[in-house]
Amino acid sequence: MTDYAYGYCGMPCALCSRYRTEGKSRCPGCSHDGYYTEPCKVHHCCREKRLAHCGLCGEFPCARLGKMSDFGDLNTGHAKERTCKSIAAHGFDRWYAEYAERADLLTIALARYNNGRMKRFLCELFLQQDVETLREIMRQAEALSGSPKETGKAFTEIVRACCGA
C-alpha cells in the first residue's frame, strides 16, 4: 500500500494538484513535512500532541482548526471539514482506507484520461465526489480508448452524466 500524505487539518494531500505535480513546485504533503507545515499551527499542534490527525483530538473542533479554510486555488468542496468529521466519527483507519482508494483511482485517471490539461479538474473531482460515484465513473471509463484528447473528452462526459455537472 502506498503511504499517501495527508494534512493534519483534513486536507487529503494526495488528491491535491500540488502533490501531483512533478519538479520543484511539488509539495510532498503535510504529513511528510510539505511546504505548508512550518507556518501551520494545526500541524505543530498535532505533532506536539502526537496525534495522527486533528479529528482524533479530544478538543476537536478547536479555534485553530476553525480559522482554516479551503485553498484559494483548488476547490476542495470543504474536504478538510469532511475529513475531520469523518475521522472524529469513524476513526483514522477507516477514513485512510477510503482516502487511499481515492488516491489510487486518481492515479489511474491521471495516467489514462488526462489529456494534458485536466489535472486540476481530476483532482477536484476526486476531492469532491463520494467514493461510490468515483468507482462508477472509473468503471464506465475502463472501456474508453483513443487519443489522449479523445479519452479526456469522453471521460469528462462520463463525469457529467454521473455527477449531473
Protein backbone atom coordinates (compact mmCIF):
# COMPACT_ATOMS: atom_id res chain seq x y z
CA MET A 1 0.00 0.00 0.00
CA THR A 2 1.25 3.45 -0.85
CA ASP A 3 1.92 5.83 2.03
CA TYR A 4 -0.18 8.80 0.97
CA ALA A 5 0.49 12.11 2.67
CA TYR A 6 -2.38 13.95 4.34
CA GLY A 7 -2.88 17.19 6.20
CA TYR A 8 -3.45 17.08 9.94
CA CYS A 9 -6.11 19.70 9.27
CA GLY A 10 -8.06 17.36 7.00
CA MET A 11 -6.55 18.15 3.61
CA PRO A 12 -6.23 14.93 1.59
CA CYS A 13 -2.83 15.93 0.15
CA ALA A 14 -2.57 13.08 -2.39
CA LEU A 15 -5.68 14.46 -4.12
CA CYS A 16 -4.17 17.94 -4.50
CA SER A 17 -2.72 19.18 -7.77
CA ARG A 18 0.42 20.44 -5.95
CA TYR A 19 1.10 16.89 -4.72
CA ARG A 20 0.51 15.56 -8.24
CA THR A 21 2.99 17.97 -9.85
CA GLU A 22 6.50 16.99 -10.91
CA GLY A 23 9.53 19.15 -10.24
CA LYS A 24 10.37 21.89 -7.74
CA SER A 25 6.79 23.04 -7.17
CA ARG A 26 5.68 19.58 -5.98
CA CYS A 27 4.54 19.52 -2.37
CA PRO A 28 5.20 16.15 -0.67
CA GLY A 29 2.20 16.67 1.62
CA CYS A 30 1.78 17.83 5.16
CA SER A 31 2.32 14.53 6.99
CA HIS A 32 5.57 14.29 5.01
CA ASP A 33 6.65 17.80 6.06
CA GLY A 34 5.44 19.56 2.92
CA TYR A 35 5.61 23.24 2.02
CA TYR A 36 2.87 24.46 4.33
CA THR A 37 3.85 22.70 7.55
CA GLU A 38 6.28 25.24 9.01
CA PRO A 39 3.72 28.06 9.50
CA CYS A 40 0.80 25.69 10.20
CA LYS A 41 -0.46 25.81 13.79
CA VAL A 42 -2.58 22.67 13.29
CA HIS A 43 0.45 20.70 12.07
CA HIS A 44 2.51 21.76 15.09
CA CYS A 45 -0.37 21.07 17.50
CA CYS A 46 -0.90 17.51 16.22
CA ARG A 47 2.82 16.79 16.29
CA GLU A 48 3.11 18.14 19.86
CA LYS A 49 0.14 16.01 20.96
CA ARG A 50 1.46 13.00 19.00
CA LEU A 51 -1.82 12.69 17.14
CA ALA A 52 -2.13 11.20 13.65
CA HIS A 53 -4.85 13.74 12.85
CA CYS A 54 -6.73 16.73 14.21
CA GLY A 55 -10.03 14.80 14.04
CA LEU A 56 -8.66 12.47 16.76
CA CYS A 57 -8.12 15.26 19.26
CA GLY A 58 -10.36 15.44 22.33
CA GLU A 59 -10.58 19.21 21.75
CA PHE A 60 -11.84 18.85 18.16
CA PRO A 61 -13.12 21.14 16.77
CA CYS A 62 -10.96 23.90 18.18
CA ALA A 63 -10.22 27.52 17.33
CA ARG A 64 -7.02 26.62 15.44
CA LEU A 65 -8.87 24.42 13.02
CA GLY A 66 -11.86 26.73 12.81
CA LYS A 67 -9.77 29.52 11.31
CA MET A 68 -8.56 27.36 8.43
CA SER A 69 -10.28 27.50 5.08
CA ASP A 70 -10.09 25.67 1.76
CA PHE A 71 -7.31 26.55 -0.65
CA GLY A 72 -7.96 29.55 -2.85
CA ASP A 73 -6.58 27.87 -5.98
CA LEU A 74 -8.31 24.49 -5.66
CA ASN A 75 -11.99 23.85 -4.98
CA THR A 76 -11.87 21.01 -2.49
CA GLY A 77 -15.56 21.11 -1.64
CA HIS A 78 -14.69 21.66 2.04
CA ALA A 79 -12.65 18.44 2.13
CA LYS A 80 -10.86 19.49 5.32
CA GLU A 81 -14.10 19.75 7.27
CA ARG A 82 -15.49 16.50 5.84
CA THR A 83 -12.25 14.66 6.61
CA CYS A 84 -12.03 15.84 10.22
CA LYS A 85 -15.68 15.00 10.89
CA SER A 86 -15.27 11.54 9.34
CA ILE A 87 -12.16 10.79 11.39
CA ALA A 88 -13.82 12.06 14.58
CA ALA A 89 -16.87 9.86 13.94
CA HIS A 90 -15.34 6.70 12.44
CA GLY A 91 -11.62 6.77 13.20
CA PHE A 92 -8.49 7.41 11.20
CA ASP A 93 -8.05 3.92 9.71
CA ARG A 94 -11.49 3.83 8.12
CA TRP A 95 -11.01 7.30 6.62
CA TYR A 96 -7.49 6.48 5.42
CA ALA A 97 -8.62 3.29 3.64
CA GLU A 98 -11.17 5.27 1.60
CA TYR A 99 -8.67 8.08 1.04
CA ALA A 100 -6.06 5.63 -0.29
CA GLU A 101 -8.68 4.19 -2.65
CA ARG A 102 -9.48 7.70 -3.92
CA ALA A 103 -5.77 8.43 -4.39
CA ASP A 104 -5.24 5.14 -6.26
CA LEU A 105 -8.22 5.88 -8.53
CA LEU A 106 -6.92 9.40 -9.16
CA THR A 107 -3.53 7.97 -10.13
CA ILE A 108 -5.25 5.77 -12.71
CA ALA A 109 -7.41 8.62 -14.00
CA LEU A 110 -4.39 10.92 -14.40
CA ALA A 111 -2.49 8.22 -16.31
CA ARG A 112 -5.34 7.12 -18.60
CA TYR A 113 -7.73 10.04 -19.10
CA ASN A 114 -5.70 13.23 -18.65
CA ASN A 115 -5.41 14.98 -21.99
CA GLY A 116 -2.61 17.12 -20.59
CA ARG A 117 -4.92 19.85 -19.32
CA MET A 118 -7.15 18.02 -16.84
CA LYS A 119 -5.07 17.69 -13.66
CA ARG A 120 -6.99 20.34 -11.71
CA PHE A 121 -10.35 19.01 -12.96
CA LEU A 122 -9.42 15.46 -11.94
CA CYS A 123 -8.05 16.49 -8.53
CA GLU A 124 -11.19 18.50 -7.75
CA LEU A 125 -13.38 15.61 -8.90
CA PHE A 126 -11.64 13.14 -6.58
CA LEU A 127 -11.74 15.64 -3.70
CA GLN A 128 -15.43 16.48 -4.06
CA GLN A 129 -17.27 13.30 -5.06
CA ASP A 130 -18.14 10.37 -2.84
CA VAL A 131 -16.15 7.20 -3.39
CA GLU A 132 -19.12 5.24 -4.79
CA THR A 133 -19.58 7.82 -7.56
CA LEU A 134 -15.85 7.74 -8.29
CA ARG A 135 -15.91 3.94 -8.56
CA GLU A 136 -18.81 4.16 -11.03
CA ILE A 137 -17.06 6.82 -13.12
CA MET A 138 -13.91 4.71 -13.27
CA ARG A 139 -15.88 1.55 -14.07
CA GLN A 140 -17.54 3.26 -17.02
CA ALA A 141 -14.25 4.80 -18.15
CA GLU A 142 -12.49 1.43 -18.40
CA ALA A 143 -13.94 0.95 -21.90
CA LEU A 144 -12.50 4.22 -23.22
CA SER A 145 -9.84 4.16 -25.88
CA GLY A 146 -8.33 6.55 -28.37
CA SER A 147 -6.01 9.52 -28.24
CA PRO A 148 -5.49 11.44 -25.01
CA LYS A 149 -7.73 14.20 -26.37
CA GLU A 150 -10.49 11.67 -27.17
CA THR A 151 -10.29 9.80 -23.88
CA GLY A 152 -10.14 13.06 -21.92
CA LYS A 153 -13.29 14.34 -23.62
CA ALA A 154 -15.11 11.01 -23.17
CA PHE A 155 -14.08 10.85 -19.50
CA THR A 156 -15.44 14.37 -18.96
CA GLU A 157 -18.76 13.29 -20.50
CA ILE A 158 -18.93 10.29 -18.12
CA VAL A 159 -18.31 12.63 -15.19
CA ARG A 160 -21.07 14.99 -16.32
CA ALA A 161 -23.51 12.09 -16.67
CA CYS A 162 -22.64 10.62 -13.26
CA CYS A 163 -22.44 13.89 -11.37
CA GLY A 164 -25.01 15.97 -13.19
CA ALA A 165 -22.40 18.65 -13.86
